[in-house]
Amino acid sequence: MNAEISTPTKAPTAELTQRLSATPRGARLARHLTATQLSTWGYPHHTDVNDTAQHLVAELAANAVTHGRVPGRDFELRLLLLPEDTLRIEVSDPRADRRLRFANDPDGEGGRGLLLVTLLARTWGVSDRTVGKTVWAELSLGHGDHE
Protein backbone atom coordinates (compact mmCIF):
# COMPACT_ATOMS: atom_id res chain seq x y z
CA MET A 1 0.00 0.00 0.00
CA ASN A 2 1.20 3.46 -0.77
CA ALA A 3 -0.81 6.06 1.13
CA GLU A 4 1.49 8.83 -0.12
CA ILE A 5 0.08 8.77 -3.66
CA SER A 6 -3.49 10.01 -3.64
CA THR A 7 -4.17 11.32 -7.14
CA PRO A 8 -3.17 10.22 -10.61
CA THR A 9 -0.09 12.05 -11.88
CA LYS A 10 -1.27 12.11 -15.49
CA ALA A 11 -4.59 13.14 -16.97
CA PRO A 12 -6.90 10.22 -17.72
CA THR A 13 -7.67 9.40 -21.33
CA ALA A 14 -11.11 8.06 -20.34
CA GLU A 15 -13.18 8.05 -17.16
CA LEU A 16 -16.33 6.58 -15.62
CA THR A 17 -17.76 7.94 -12.38
CA GLN A 18 -20.91 6.47 -10.84
CA ARG A 19 -22.59 6.82 -7.45
CA LEU A 20 -24.18 3.61 -6.21
CA SER A 21 -26.33 2.61 -3.26
CA ALA A 22 -24.29 1.37 -0.31
CA THR A 23 -25.90 -2.07 -0.47
CA PRO A 24 -24.78 -5.51 -1.66
CA ARG A 25 -26.76 -4.82 -4.84
CA GLY A 26 -24.79 -1.59 -5.37
CA ALA A 27 -21.52 -3.49 -4.92
CA ARG A 28 -22.60 -6.09 -7.51
CA LEU A 29 -23.58 -3.31 -9.90
CA ALA A 30 -20.14 -1.71 -9.48
CA ARG A 31 -18.54 -4.96 -10.62
CA HIS A 32 -20.86 -5.26 -13.61
CA LEU A 33 -20.28 -1.62 -14.60
CA THR A 34 -16.54 -2.24 -14.46
CA ALA A 35 -16.78 -5.27 -16.74
CA THR A 36 -18.93 -3.41 -19.25
CA GLN A 37 -16.82 -0.24 -19.22
CA LEU A 38 -13.56 -2.13 -19.68
CA SER A 39 -15.12 -4.02 -22.58
CA THR A 40 -16.06 -0.67 -24.14
CA TRP A 41 -12.46 0.51 -23.68
CA GLY A 42 -11.15 -2.55 -25.54
CA TYR A 43 -10.63 -5.05 -22.71
CA PRO A 44 -13.39 -7.65 -23.31
CA HIS A 45 -15.18 -9.71 -20.69
CA HIS A 46 -13.30 -12.82 -19.55
CA THR A 47 -9.85 -11.43 -20.31
CA ASP A 48 -7.27 -11.33 -17.53
CA VAL A 49 -7.40 -7.54 -17.25
CA ASN A 50 -11.19 -7.38 -17.11
CA ASP A 51 -11.43 -10.24 -14.60
CA THR A 52 -8.73 -8.73 -12.36
CA ALA A 53 -10.38 -5.30 -12.42
CA GLN A 54 -13.71 -6.90 -11.52
CA HIS A 55 -12.12 -8.68 -8.54
CA LEU A 56 -10.52 -5.45 -7.32
CA VAL A 57 -13.77 -3.52 -7.64
CA ALA A 58 -15.69 -6.31 -5.91
CA GLU A 59 -13.35 -6.21 -2.90
CA LEU A 60 -13.23 -2.42 -2.63
CA ALA A 61 -17.00 -2.03 -3.12
CA ALA A 62 -17.73 -4.78 -0.59
CA ASN A 63 -15.57 -2.95 1.96
CA ALA A 64 -17.34 0.33 1.17
CA VAL A 65 -20.82 -1.10 1.71
CA THR A 66 -19.86 -3.24 4.70
CA HIS A 67 -17.49 -1.02 6.66
CA GLY A 68 -17.85 2.44 5.10
CA ARG A 69 -21.62 2.62 5.00
CA VAL A 70 -23.51 5.55 6.45
CA PRO A 71 -27.32 5.22 6.24
CA GLY A 72 -28.69 7.33 3.42
CA ARG A 73 -25.27 7.87 1.80
CA ASP A 74 -24.02 6.29 -1.43
CA PHE A 75 -20.54 5.14 -2.37
CA GLU A 76 -18.78 6.18 -5.55
CA LEU A 77 -16.97 4.12 -8.17
CA ARG A 78 -14.49 5.89 -10.41
CA LEU A 79 -12.51 4.20 -13.19
CA LEU A 80 -9.70 6.13 -14.85
CA LEU A 81 -7.91 4.93 -17.95
CA LEU A 82 -4.46 6.49 -17.56
CA PRO A 83 -1.62 6.81 -20.04
CA GLU A 84 1.06 4.14 -19.99
CA ASP A 85 -1.48 1.28 -19.87
CA THR A 86 -2.79 1.83 -16.34
CA LEU A 87 -6.29 1.50 -14.92
CA ARG A 88 -6.94 3.37 -11.68
CA ILE A 89 -9.91 2.17 -9.64
CA GLU A 90 -11.26 4.44 -6.92
CA VAL A 91 -14.02 3.54 -4.47
CA SER A 92 -15.09 6.32 -2.11
CA ASP A 93 -17.29 6.02 0.96
CA PRO A 94 -18.45 8.51 3.62
CA ARG A 95 -16.64 6.91 6.61
CA ALA A 96 -13.27 8.52 7.27
CA ASP A 97 -13.18 7.15 10.81
CA ARG A 98 -12.71 3.54 9.78
CA ARG A 99 -9.19 2.64 8.75
CA LEU A 100 -8.45 -0.43 6.68
CA ARG A 101 -7.04 -3.48 8.43
CA PHE A 102 -5.44 -6.69 7.22
CA ALA A 103 -6.60 -10.04 8.58
CA ASN A 104 -4.70 -11.04 11.69
CA ASP A 105 -6.22 -14.51 11.97
CA PRO A 106 -5.46 -16.72 8.96
CA ASP A 107 -8.31 -19.03 10.02
CA GLY A 108 -10.79 -16.18 10.51
CA GLU A 109 -13.85 -15.77 8.33
CA GLY A 110 -13.05 -12.27 7.04
CA GLY A 111 -10.37 -9.70 6.44
CA ARG A 112 -8.68 -11.26 3.45
CA GLY A 113 -9.97 -8.73 0.92
CA LEU A 114 -7.05 -6.35 1.32
CA LEU A 115 -4.61 -9.21 0.90
CA LEU A 116 -6.28 -9.94 -2.44
CA VAL A 117 -6.06 -6.26 -3.40
CA THR A 118 -2.36 -6.27 -2.51
CA LEU A 119 -1.76 -9.33 -4.70
CA LEU A 120 -3.78 -8.12 -7.69
CA ALA A 121 -2.97 -4.41 -7.82
CA ARG A 122 0.32 -2.89 -8.91
CA THR A 123 -0.11 -0.39 -6.08
CA TRP A 124 -2.96 0.80 -3.86
CA GLY A 125 -3.65 3.20 -1.04
CA VAL A 126 -6.12 5.37 0.82
CA SER A 127 -6.70 9.10 0.51
CA ASP A 128 -8.87 11.38 2.57
CA ARG A 129 -11.78 13.32 1.10
CA THR A 130 -13.77 16.26 2.39
CA VAL A 131 -16.32 13.65 3.49
CA GLY A 132 -14.99 10.13 3.90
CA LYS A 133 -12.13 8.37 2.19
CA THR A 134 -11.15 6.93 -1.18
CA VAL A 135 -9.50 3.56 -1.49
CA TRP A 136 -7.73 3.26 -4.81
CA ALA A 137 -5.84 0.61 -6.72
CA GLU A 138 -3.87 0.70 -9.94
CA LEU A 139 -3.71 -2.14 -12.40
CA SER A 140 -1.31 -2.53 -15.31
CA LEU A 141 -3.33 -3.13 -18.46
CA GLY A 142 -0.44 -4.56 -20.47
CA HIS A 143 -0.81 -5.06 -24.19
CA GLY A 144 -0.81 -8.86 -24.05
CA ASP A 145 -3.79 -9.23 -21.72
CA HIS A 146 -6.58 -7.67 -23.75
CA GLU A 147 -6.65 -9.77 -26.87
C-alpha atoms as a PDB file:
ATOM      1  CA  MET A   1       0.000   0.000   0.000  1.00  0.00           C
ATOM      2  CA  ASN A   2       1.199   3.463  -0.769  1.00  0.00           C
ATOM      3  CA  ALA A   3      -0.807   6.064   1.133  1.00  0.00           C
ATOM      4  CA  GLU A   4       1.488   8.832  -0.122  1.00  0.00           C
ATOM      5  CA  ILE A   5       0.080   8.767  -3.659  1.00  0.00           C
ATOM      6  CA  SER A   6      -3.490  10.015  -3.642  1.00  0.00           C
ATOM      7  CA  THR A   7      -4.170  11.325  -7.137  1.00  0.00           C
ATOM      8  CA  PRO A   8      -3.167  10.215 -10.605  1.00  0.00           C
ATOM      9  CA  THR A   9      -0.090  12.048 -11.879  1.00  0.00           C
ATOM     10  CA  LYS A  10      -1.266  12.109 -15.494  1.00  0.00           C
ATOM     11  CA  ALA A  11      -4.588  13.144 -16.969  1.00  0.00           C
ATOM     12  CA  PRO A  12      -6.903  10.216 -17.725  1.00  0.00           C
ATOM     13  CA  THR A  13      -7.668   9.401 -21.331  1.00  0.00           C
ATOM     14  CA  ALA A  14     -11.113   8.063 -20.338  1.00  0.00           C
ATOM     15  CA  GLU A  15     -13.180   8.046 -17.155  1.00  0.00           C
ATOM     16  CA  LEU A  16     -16.331   6.578 -15.620  1.00  0.00           C
ATOM     17  CA  THR A  17     -17.764   7.939 -12.378  1.00  0.00           C
ATOM     18  CA  GLN A  18     -20.909   6.473 -10.835  1.00  0.00           C
ATOM     19  CA  ARG A  19     -22.588   6.822  -7.449  1.00  0.00           C
ATOM     20  CA  LEU A  20     -24.182   3.606  -6.207  1.00  0.00           C
ATOM     21  CA  SER A  21     -26.329   2.607  -3.260  1.00  0.00           C
ATOM     22  CA  ALA A  22     -24.285   1.366  -0.313  1.00  0.00           C
ATOM     23  CA  THR A  23     -25.898  -2.073  -0.468  1.00  0.00           C
ATOM     24  CA  PRO A  24     -24.777  -5.507  -1.656  1.00  0.00           C
ATOM     25  CA  ARG A  25     -26.757  -4.820  -4.841  1.00  0.00           C
ATOM     26  CA  GLY A  26     -24.794  -1.586  -5.367  1.00  0.00           C
ATOM     27  CA  ALA A  27     -21.517  -3.490  -4.924  1.00  0.00           C
ATOM     28  CA  ARG A  28     -22.596  -6.093  -7.508  1.00  0.00           C
ATOM     29  CA  LEU A  29     -23.583  -3.314  -9.904  1.00  0.00           C
ATOM     30  CA  ALA A  30     -20.137  -1.714  -9.481  1.00  0.00           C
ATOM     31  CA  ARG A  31     -18.544  -4.959 -10.616  1.00  0.00           C
ATOM     32  CA  HIS A  32     -20.863  -5.257 -13.615  1.00  0.00           C
ATOM     33  CA  LEU A  33     -20.279  -1.621 -14.599  1.00  0.00           C
ATOM     34  CA  THR A  34     -16.538  -2.235 -14.461  1.00  0.00           C
ATOM     35  CA  ALA A  35     -16.781  -5.269 -16.744  1.00  0.00           C
ATOM     36  CA  THR A  36     -18.929  -3.409 -19.251  1.00  0.00           C
ATOM     37  CA  GLN A  37     -16.820  -0.241 -19.224  1.00  0.00           C
ATOM     38  CA  LEU A  38     -13.562  -2.132 -19.685  1.00  0.00           C
ATOM     39  CA  SER A  39     -15.115  -4.015 -22.580  1.00  0.00           C
ATOM     40  CA  THR A  40     -16.064  -0.667 -24.140  1.00  0.00           C
ATOM     41  CA  TRP A  41     -12.464   0.511 -23.676  1.00  0.00           C
ATOM     42  CA  GLY A  42     -11.146  -2.553 -25.538  1.00  0.00           C
ATOM     43  CA  TYR A  43     -10.631  -5.051 -22.707  1.00  0.00           C
ATOM     44  CA  PRO A  44     -13.386  -7.647 -23.312  1.00  0.00           C
ATOM     45  CA  HIS A  45     -15.181  -9.709 -20.690  1.00  0.00           C
ATOM     46  CA  HIS A  46     -13.298 -12.821 -19.549  1.00  0.00           C
ATOM     47  CA  THR A  47      -9.852 -11.427 -20.309  1.00  0.00           C
ATOM     48  CA  ASP A  48      -7.266 -11.332 -17.529  1.00  0.00           C
ATOM     49  CA  VAL A  49      -7.398  -7.540 -17.251  1.00  0.00           C
ATOM     50  CA  ASN A  50     -11.192  -7.385 -17.109  1.00  0.00           C
ATOM     51  CA  ASP A  51     -11.429 -10.236 -14.596  1.00  0.00           C
ATOM     52  CA  THR A  52      -8.726  -8.733 -12.360  1.00  0.00           C
ATOM     53  CA  ALA A  53     -10.379  -5.302 -12.425  1.00  0.00           C
ATOM     54  CA  GLN A  54     -13.712  -6.903 -11.521  1.00  0.00           C
ATOM     55  CA  HIS A  55     -12.118  -8.676  -8.540  1.00  0.00           C
ATOM     56  CA  LEU A  56     -10.516  -5.448  -7.323  1.00  0.00           C
ATOM     57  CA  VAL A  57     -13.775  -3.517  -7.640  1.00  0.00           C
ATOM     58  CA  ALA A  58     -15.687  -6.312  -5.911  1.00  0.00           C
ATOM     59  CA  GLU A  59     -13.350  -6.208  -2.898  1.00  0.00           C
ATOM     60  CA  LEU A  60     -13.235  -2.422  -2.629  1.00  0.00           C
ATOM     61  CA  ALA A  61     -16.998  -2.031  -3.119  1.00  0.00           C
ATOM     62  CA  ALA A  62     -17.733  -4.779  -0.585  1.00  0.00           C
ATOM     63  CA  ASN A  63     -15.569  -2.950   1.959  1.00  0.00           C
ATOM     64  CA  ALA A  64     -17.341   0.335   1.174  1.00  0.00           C
ATOM     65  CA  VAL A  65     -20.823  -1.097   1.709  1.00  0.00           C
ATOM     66  CA  THR A  66     -19.859  -3.244   4.703  1.00  0.00           C
ATOM     67  CA  HIS A  67     -17.486  -1.019   6.656  1.00  0.00           C
ATOM     68  CA  GLY A  68     -17.847   2.435   5.099  1.00  0.00           C
ATOM     69  CA  ARG A  69     -21.618   2.616   4.996  1.00  0.00           C
ATOM     70  CA  VAL A  70     -23.511   5.546   6.452  1.00  0.00           C
ATOM     71  CA  PRO A  71     -27.319   5.223   6.245  1.00  0.00           C
ATOM     72  CA  GLY A  72     -28.690   7.332   3.424  1.00  0.00           C
ATOM     73  CA  ARG A  73     -25.273   7.872   1.797  1.00  0.00           C
ATOM     74  CA  ASP A  74     -24.023   6.286  -1.431  1.00  0.00           C
ATOM     75  CA  PHE A  75     -20.543   5.137  -2.369  1.00  0.00           C
ATOM     76  CA  GLU A  76     -18.777   6.180  -5.549  1.00  0.00           C
ATOM     77  CA  LEU A  77     -16.969   4.122  -8.171  1.00  0.00           C
ATOM     78  CA  ARG A  78     -14.493   5.886 -10.415  1.00  0.00           C
ATOM     79  CA  LEU A  79     -12.511   4.199 -13.190  1.00  0.00           C
ATOM     80  CA  LEU A  80      -9.702   6.126 -14.850  1.00  0.00           C
ATOM     81  CA  LEU A  81      -7.910   4.931 -17.948  1.00  0.00           C
ATOM     82  CA  LEU A  82      -4.465   6.488 -17.560  1.00  0.00           C
ATOM     83  CA  PRO A  83      -1.625   6.811 -20.038  1.00  0.00           C
ATOM     84  CA  GLU A  84       1.056   4.136 -19.991  1.00  0.00           C
ATOM     85  CA  ASP A  85      -1.482   1.279 -19.866  1.00  0.00           C
ATOM     86  CA  THR A  86      -2.791   1.834 -16.341  1.00  0.00           C
ATOM     87  CA  LEU A  87      -6.294   1.497 -14.921  1.00  0.00           C
ATOM     88  CA  ARG A  88      -6.940   3.375 -11.683  1.00  0.00           C
ATOM     89  CA  ILE A  89      -9.907   2.168  -9.642  1.00  0.00           C
ATOM     90  CA  GLU A  90     -11.259   4.439  -6.918  1.00  0.00           C
ATOM     91  CA  VAL A  91     -14.015   3.539  -4.468  1.00  0.00           C
ATOM     92  CA  SER A  92     -15.093   6.317  -2.107  1.00  0.00           C
ATOM     93  CA  ASP A  93     -17.293   6.024   0.958  1.00  0.00           C
ATOM     94  CA  PRO A  94     -18.449   8.508   3.617  1.00  0.00           C
ATOM     95  CA  ARG A  95     -16.641   6.908   6.609  1.00  0.00           C
ATOM     96  CA  ALA A  96     -13.274   8.525   7.273  1.00  0.00           C
ATOM     97  CA  ASP A  97     -13.177   7.151  10.815  1.00  0.00           C
ATOM     98  CA  ARG A  98     -12.707   3.536   9.781  1.00  0.00           C
ATOM     99  CA  ARG A  99      -9.190   2.638   8.748  1.00  0.00           C
ATOM    100  CA  LEU A 100      -8.449  -0.432   6.678  1.00  0.00           C
ATOM    101  CA  ARG A 101      -7.043  -3.483   8.432  1.00  0.00           C
ATOM    102  CA  PHE A 102      -5.444  -6.687   7.221  1.00  0.00           C
ATOM    103  CA  ALA A 103      -6.604 -10.036   8.575  1.00  0.00           C
ATOM    104  CA  ASN A 104      -4.702 -11.038  11.690  1.00  0.00           C
ATOM    105  CA  ASP A 105      -6.218 -14.512  11.970  1.00  0.00           C
ATOM    106  CA  PRO A 106      -5.457 -16.724   8.963  1.00  0.00           C
ATOM    107  CA  ASP A 107      -8.313 -19.034  10.018  1.00  0.00           C
ATOM    108  CA  GLY A 108     -10.791 -16.185  10.506  1.00  0.00           C
ATOM    109  CA  GLU A 109     -13.853 -15.766   8.325  1.00  0.00           C
ATOM    110  CA  GLY A 110     -13.051 -12.272   7.037  1.00  0.00           C
ATOM    111  CA  GLY A 111     -10.374  -9.697   6.440  1.00  0.00           C
ATOM    112  CA  ARG A 112      -8.682 -11.264   3.452  1.00  0.00           C
ATOM    113  CA  GLY A 113      -9.972  -8.727   0.916  1.00  0.00           C
ATOM    114  CA  LEU A 114      -7.051  -6.345   1.323  1.00  0.00           C
ATOM    115  CA  LEU A 115      -4.609  -9.215   0.897  1.00  0.00           C
ATOM    116  CA  LEU A 116      -6.285  -9.937  -2.437  1.00  0.00           C
ATOM    117  CA  VAL A 117      -6.057  -6.256  -3.396  1.00  0.00           C
ATOM    118  CA  THR A 118      -2.355  -6.274  -2.506  1.00  0.00           C
ATOM    119  CA  LEU A 119      -1.756  -9.328  -4.695  1.00  0.00           C
ATOM    120  CA  LEU A 120      -3.783  -8.123  -7.691  1.00  0.00           C
ATOM    121  CA  ALA A 121      -2.966  -4.407  -7.820  1.00  0.00           C
ATOM    122  CA  ARG A 122       0.319  -2.893  -8.909  1.00  0.00           C
ATOM    123  CA  THR A 123      -0.110  -0.385  -6.082  1.00  0.00           C
ATOM    124  CA  TRP A 124      -2.956   0.798  -3.859  1.00  0.00           C
ATOM    125  CA  GLY A 125      -3.651   3.202  -1.043  1.00  0.00           C
ATOM    126  CA  VAL A 126      -6.117   5.370   0.818  1.00  0.00           C
ATOM    127  CA  SER A 127      -6.696   9.104   0.510  1.00  0.00           C
ATOM    128  CA  ASP A 128      -8.874  11.383   2.570  1.00  0.00           C
ATOM    129  CA  ARG A 129     -11.781  13.324   1.100  1.00  0.00           C
ATOM    130  CA  THR A 130     -13.772  16.257   2.385  1.00  0.00           C
ATOM    131  CA  VAL A 131     -16.321  13.651   3.490  1.00  0.00           C
ATOM    132  CA  GLY A 132     -14.991  10.129   3.904  1.00  0.00           C
ATOM    133  CA  LYS A 133     -12.131   8.369   2.186  1.00  0.00           C
ATOM    134  CA  THR A 134     -11.149   6.935  -1.177  1.00  0.00           C
ATOM    135  CA  VAL A 135      -9.499   3.555  -1.485  1.00  0.00           C
ATOM    136  CA  TRP A 136      -7.733   3.259  -4.810  1.00  0.00           C
ATOM    137  CA  ALA A 137      -5.840   0.611  -6.720  1.00  0.00           C
ATOM    138  CA  GLU A 138      -3.873   0.699  -9.942  1.00  0.00           C
ATOM    139  CA  LEU A 139      -3.707  -2.143 -12.405  1.00  0.00           C
ATOM    140  CA  SER A 140      -1.314  -2.527 -15.306  1.00  0.00           C
ATOM    141  CA  LEU A 141      -3.334  -3.132 -18.458  1.00  0.00           C
ATOM    142  CA  GLY A 142      -0.440  -4.560 -20.475  1.00  0.00           C
ATOM    143  CA  HIS A 143      -0.812  -5.064 -24.186  1.00  0.00           C
ATOM    144  CA  GLY A 144      -0.814  -8.860 -24.055  1.00  0.00           C
ATOM    145  CA  ASP A 145      -3.790  -9.229 -21.721  1.00  0.00           C
ATOM    146  CA  HIS A 146      -6.576  -7.671 -23.749  1.00  0.00           C
ATOM    147  CA  GLU A 147      -6.655  -9.768 -26.874  1.00  0.00           C
END
